[in-house]
Amino acid sequence: MKIGSVDAWLAIGASGLAVVAGLAALVRWMRRIARGFGDFMDDWRGEAARPGVPGRPGVMERLALISHRVAAIEHELHPNSGESVRDALDRVDRRTRRAIPTPDEE
């Protein structure tokens, strides 16, 4: 195959086209990965409110909120100041035991 022949030019063109197609596929794949990473970072950091769109808290803000809620629930589950659900349940239990004795107490 001579360098100036049509077959040589077709082979060079096909090779160039394959390289361009491969690069285009690589760029497309990289853009998809970058877009996914960008979405992840937006979720991680959160987004400020914009006109017509409410803001979204980031991961650390959400974790702080969850931690606060768990602490409030734990406060209600242990006897403490007399105001927790556990304290109220203990009071009801004591009153019920006084009002309705068990068979072994009679």
C-alpha atoms as a PDB file:
ATOM      1  CA  MET A   1       0.000   0.000   0.000  1.00  0.00           C
ATOM      2  CA  LYS A   2       1.534   3.269  -1.135  1.00  0.00           C
ATOM      3  CA  ILE A   3       1.276   6.351   1.044  1.00  0.00           C
ATOM      4  CA  GLY A   4      -0.500   8.319  -1.675  1.00  0.00           C
ATOM      5  CA  SER A   5      -3.026   5.594  -2.518  1.00  0.00           C
ATOM      6  CA  VAL A   6      -6.718   5.749  -1.737  1.00  0.00           C
ATOM      7  CA  ASP A   7      -6.492   2.685   0.511  1.00  0.00           C
ATOM      8  CA  ALA A   8      -3.845   4.391   2.644  1.00  0.00           C
ATOM      9  CA  TRP A   9      -5.953   7.527   2.994  1.00  0.00           C
ATOM     10  CA  LEU A  10      -9.009   5.454   3.938  1.00  0.00           C
ATOM     11  CA  ALA A  11      -6.989   3.565   6.559  1.00  0.00           C
ATOM     12  CA  ILE A  12      -5.617   6.813   7.997  1.00  0.00           C
ATOM     13  CA  GLY A  13      -9.105   8.363   8.011  1.00  0.00           C
ATOM     14  CA  ALA A  14     -10.644   5.301   9.673  1.00  0.00           C
ATOM     15  CA  SER A  15      -7.890   5.273  12.303  1.00  0.00           C
ATOM     16  CA  GLY A  16      -8.369   8.971  12.976  1.00  0.00           C
ATOM     17  CA  LEU A  17     -12.127   8.519  13.214  1.00  0.00           C
ATOM     18  CA  ALA A  18     -11.664   5.649  15.683  1.00  0.00           C
ATOM     19  CA  VAL A  19      -9.358   7.801  17.814  1.00  0.00           C
ATOM     20  CA  VAL A  20     -11.828  10.707  17.781  1.00  0.00           C
ATOM     21  CA  ALA A  21     -14.730   8.376  18.652  1.00  0.00           C
ATOM     22  CA  GLY A  22     -12.713   6.860  21.504  1.00  0.00           C
ATOM     23  CA  LEU A  23     -11.816  10.303  22.845  1.00  0.00           C
ATOM     24  CA  ALA A  24     -15.453  11.412  22.586  1.00  0.00           C
ATOM     25  CA  ALA A  25     -16.569   8.339  24.547  1.00  0.00           C
ATOM     26  CA  LEU A  26     -13.891   9.013  27.175  1.00  0.00           C
ATOM     27  CA  VAL A  27     -14.932  12.663  27.509  1.00  0.00           C
ATOM     28  CA  ARG A  28     -18.596  11.654  27.795  1.00  0.00           C
ATOM     29  CA  TRP A  29     -17.758   9.115  30.521  1.00  0.00           C
ATOM     30  CA  MET A  30     -15.648  11.671  32.401  1.00  0.00           C
ATOM     31  CA  ARG A  31     -18.449  14.264  32.238  1.00  0.00           C
ATOM     32  CA  ARG A  32     -20.941  11.765  33.684  1.00  0.00           C
ATOM     33  CA  ILE A  33     -18.551  10.928  36.528  1.00  0.00           C
ATOM     34  CA  ALA A  34     -17.888  14.627  37.189  1.00  0.00           C
ATOM     35  CA  ARG A  35     -21.623  15.418  37.169  1.00  0.00           C
ATOM     36  CA  GLY A  36     -22.288  12.617  39.671  1.00  0.00           C
ATOM     37  CA  PHE A  37     -19.466  13.864  41.893  1.00  0.00           C
ATOM     38  CA  GLY A  38     -20.861  17.400  41.655  1.00  0.00           C
ATOM     39  CA  ASP A  39     -24.310  16.151  42.705  1.00  0.00           C
ATOM     40  CA  PHE A  40     -22.720  14.316  45.652  1.00  0.00           C
ATOM     41  CA  MET A  41     -20.863  17.453  46.747  1.00  0.00           C
ATOM     42  CA  ASP A  42     -24.053  19.555  46.457  1.00  0.00           C
ATOM     43  CA  ASP A  43     -25.821  17.053  48.717  1.00  0.00           C
ATOM     44  CA  TRP A  44     -22.868  17.020  51.140  1.00  0.00           C
ATOM     45  CA  ARG A  45     -22.611  20.808  51.451  1.00  0.00           C
ATOM     46  CA  GLY A  46     -26.295  21.610  51.038  1.00  0.00           C
ATOM     47  CA  GLU A  47     -27.682  24.422  48.964  1.00  0.00           C
ATOM     48  CA  ALA A  48     -28.754  27.919  49.927  1.00  0.00           C
ATOM     49  CA  ALA A  49     -32.308  29.029  49.238  1.00  0.00           C
ATOM     50  CA  ARG A  50     -32.938  30.687  45.889  1.00  0.00           C
ATOM     51  CA  PRO A  51     -36.002  32.614  44.729  1.00  0.00           C
ATOM     52  CA  GLY A  52     -38.788  30.051  44.499  1.00  0.00           C
ATOM     53  CA  VAL A  53     -36.611  27.158  45.714  1.00  0.00           C
ATOM     54  CA  PRO A  54     -36.158  26.312  49.394  1.00  0.00           C
ATOM     55  CA  GLY A  55     -32.662  25.666  50.695  1.00  0.00           C
ATOM     56  CA  ARG A  56     -31.429  22.170  51.508  1.00  0.00           C
ATOM     57  CA  PRO A  57     -29.266  21.458  54.543  1.00  0.00           C
ATOM     58  CA  GLY A  58     -25.993  19.634  54.050  1.00  0.00           C
ATOM     59  CA  VAL A  59     -25.029  16.306  55.563  1.00  0.00           C
ATOM     60  CA  MET A  60     -23.400  17.784  58.662  1.00  0.00           C
ATOM     61  CA  GLU A  61     -26.466  19.928  59.415  1.00  0.00           C
ATOM     62  CA  ARG A  62     -28.717  16.895  58.999  1.00  0.00           C
ATOM     63  CA  LEU A  63     -26.510  14.802  61.301  1.00  0.00           C
ATOM     64  CA  ALA A  64     -26.599  17.547  63.936  1.00  0.00           C
ATOM     65  CA  LEU A  65     -30.403  17.633  63.712  1.00  0.00           C
ATOM     66  CA  ILE A  66     -30.616  13.847  64.031  1.00  0.00           C
ATOM     67  CA  SER A  67     -28.262  13.930  67.018  1.00  0.00           C
ATOM     68  CA  HIS A  68     -30.429  16.571  68.701  1.00  0.00           C
ATOM     69  CA  ARG A  69     -33.583  14.540  68.088  1.00  0.00           C
ATOM     70  CA  VAL A  70     -32.000  11.350  69.461  1.00  0.00           C
ATOM     71  CA  ALA A  71     -30.903  13.234  72.590  1.00  0.00           C
ATOM     72  CA  ALA A  72     -34.475  14.479  73.086  1.00  0.00           C
ATOM     73  CA  ILE A  73     -35.811  10.932  72.735  1.00  0.00           C
ATOM     74  CA  GLU A  74     -33.228   9.567  75.190  1.00  0.00           C
ATOM     75  CA  HIS A  75     -34.254  12.270  77.662  1.00  0.00           C
ATOM     76  CA  GLU A  76     -37.818  10.949  77.534  1.00  0.00           C
ATOM     77  CA  LEU A  77     -36.783   7.310  78.042  1.00  0.00           C
ATOM     78  CA  HIS A  78     -34.940   7.681  81.360  1.00  0.00           C
ATOM     79  CA  PRO A  79     -36.241   8.814  84.750  1.00  0.00           C
ATOM     80  CA  ASN A  80     -34.941  12.317  85.345  1.00  0.00           C
ATOM     81  CA  SER A  81     -36.702  15.594  86.131  1.00  0.00           C
ATOM     82  CA  GLY A  82     -40.186  14.163  86.582  1.00  0.00           C
ATOM     83  CA  GLU A  83     -41.333  15.455  83.208  1.00  0.00           C
ATOM     84  CA  SER A  84     -40.192  12.598  80.970  1.00  0.00           C
ATOM     85  CA  VAL A  85     -42.477   9.953  79.538  1.00  0.00           C
ATOM     86  CA  ARG A  86     -40.664   7.372  81.668  1.00  0.00           C
ATOM     87  CA  ASP A  87     -41.444   9.351  84.845  1.00  0.00           C
ATOM     88  CA  ALA A  88     -45.114   9.605  83.850  1.00  0.00           C
ATOM     89  CA  LEU A  89     -45.247   5.867  83.177  1.00  0.00           C
ATOM     90  CA  ASP A  90     -43.659   5.119  86.552  1.00  0.00           C
ATOM     91  CA  ARG A  91     -46.265   7.343  88.281  1.00  0.00           C
ATOM     92  CA  VAL A  92     -49.115   5.565  86.508  1.00  0.00           C
ATOM     93  CA  ASP A  93     -47.612   2.194  87.429  1.00  0.00           C
ATOM     94  CA  ARG A  94     -47.368   3.141  91.132  1.00  0.00           C
ATOM     95  CA  ARG A  95     -50.959   4.401  91.185  1.00  0.00           C
ATOM     96  CA  THR A  96     -52.221   1.286  89.429  1.00  0.00           C
ATOM     97  CA  ARG A  97     -50.409  -1.002  91.891  1.00  0.00           C
ATOM     98  CA  ARG A  98     -52.016   0.856  94.814  1.00  0.00           C
ATOM     99  CA  ALA A  99     -55.488   0.775  93.242  1.00  0.00           C
ATOM    100  CA  ILE A 100     -55.377  -2.844  92.009  1.00  0.00           C
ATOM    101  CA  PRO A 101     -53.281  -5.124  94.207  1.00  0.00           C
ATOM    102  CA  THR A 102     -51.749  -8.220  92.657  1.00  0.00           C
ATOM    103  CA  PRO A 103     -53.029 -11.647  93.861  1.00  0.00           C
ATOM    104  CA  ASP A 104     -49.877 -12.366  95.890  1.00  0.00           C
ATOM    105  CA  GLU A 105     -50.268  -9.030  97.768  1.00  0.00           C
ATOM    106  CA  GLU A 106     -53.809  -9.803  98.989  1.00  0.00           C
END
